[in-house]
Amino acid sequence: MANDYFRFKQFIIHQDRCAFKVGTDGVLLGALADIYGSGWLLDIGTGTGLIAIMAAQRTNCRIVAIEPDYNSYIQARENVSACPWSDRITVENCSLSEFYLNTNLKFDFIVTNPPYFSNSLPNPDPSKAGARHTYSLSFDQLAEGCEKLLKAEGSLNIILPYTEGTQFIACAAEKGLYCNKMIKVKAIPSGPVIRLIMKFEKSRKQLRESFLAIETGKRHEYTSEYIEATKDFYLNF
């Protein structure tokens, strides 16, 4: 059973009310998203608020975190209120479509760890089903919303499993967003690619690719690259 909270070096994430708990995907995106500076950043489907808080630790951005599930929204708001950067993060209880229809903001950065189990059976828990199945937010809707909300020079950073990631690349291109940077994540160096961390922009550029392995091949023995990427957050690094 997952703990009710997860302690990082500079903040704590409570997660007893959220459908999905702190996981490696969120930490990887929060740590490796190509974000910087002091512009505006949007976190789509913030869940516990983890990625928004990590973004606040890494940048001086003003951050808007949106979450359609009410219980997760309440928890994210509480986590944000207790973190050191609460003055720069706003949490809103709404879907992506509701948000972009009712805002005039344009963003320098968008980050999201979106739903992706498009071909599997929905979870019987409605909150988990909504959080992890694309019927609640299709790739088309996500790409279209991001294109509308990004500034001309803005970027979308997203993490997806390999197959779904390749699907999203094609979908995003149809909406005018192009994958210009990709980190291929492996569980171990000799294993298959299990996740893609991707950066999309409105102009097509030469694709930059790199690899990251999480463990060396021995259980709980982490690679130097993974430790370097997450050392500002995890207590044991």
Foldseek 3Di string as FASTA:
>chain_A
DDDQWDAWPFFIFGQPQFPDDDDPQLLLCLLPPPDEEEEEEEEAQCQSVSSVLSNVVHYNYQYEYEHQDPSSLVNNLVRLVGGPRVVRYHYYHDHLVVVLVPDPAATQEYEYAQADPAPDDADPPVNNSCRHYCVVPPLLNVLLSNVSRHDQNHKYKYKDFPVSVVVSQVSNVVNQKHWAEWEFEAQEPPGHGTMITTMIHNDDDHHHYYYAHAAHPDPPHGDPVNCVSNVNIHPVD
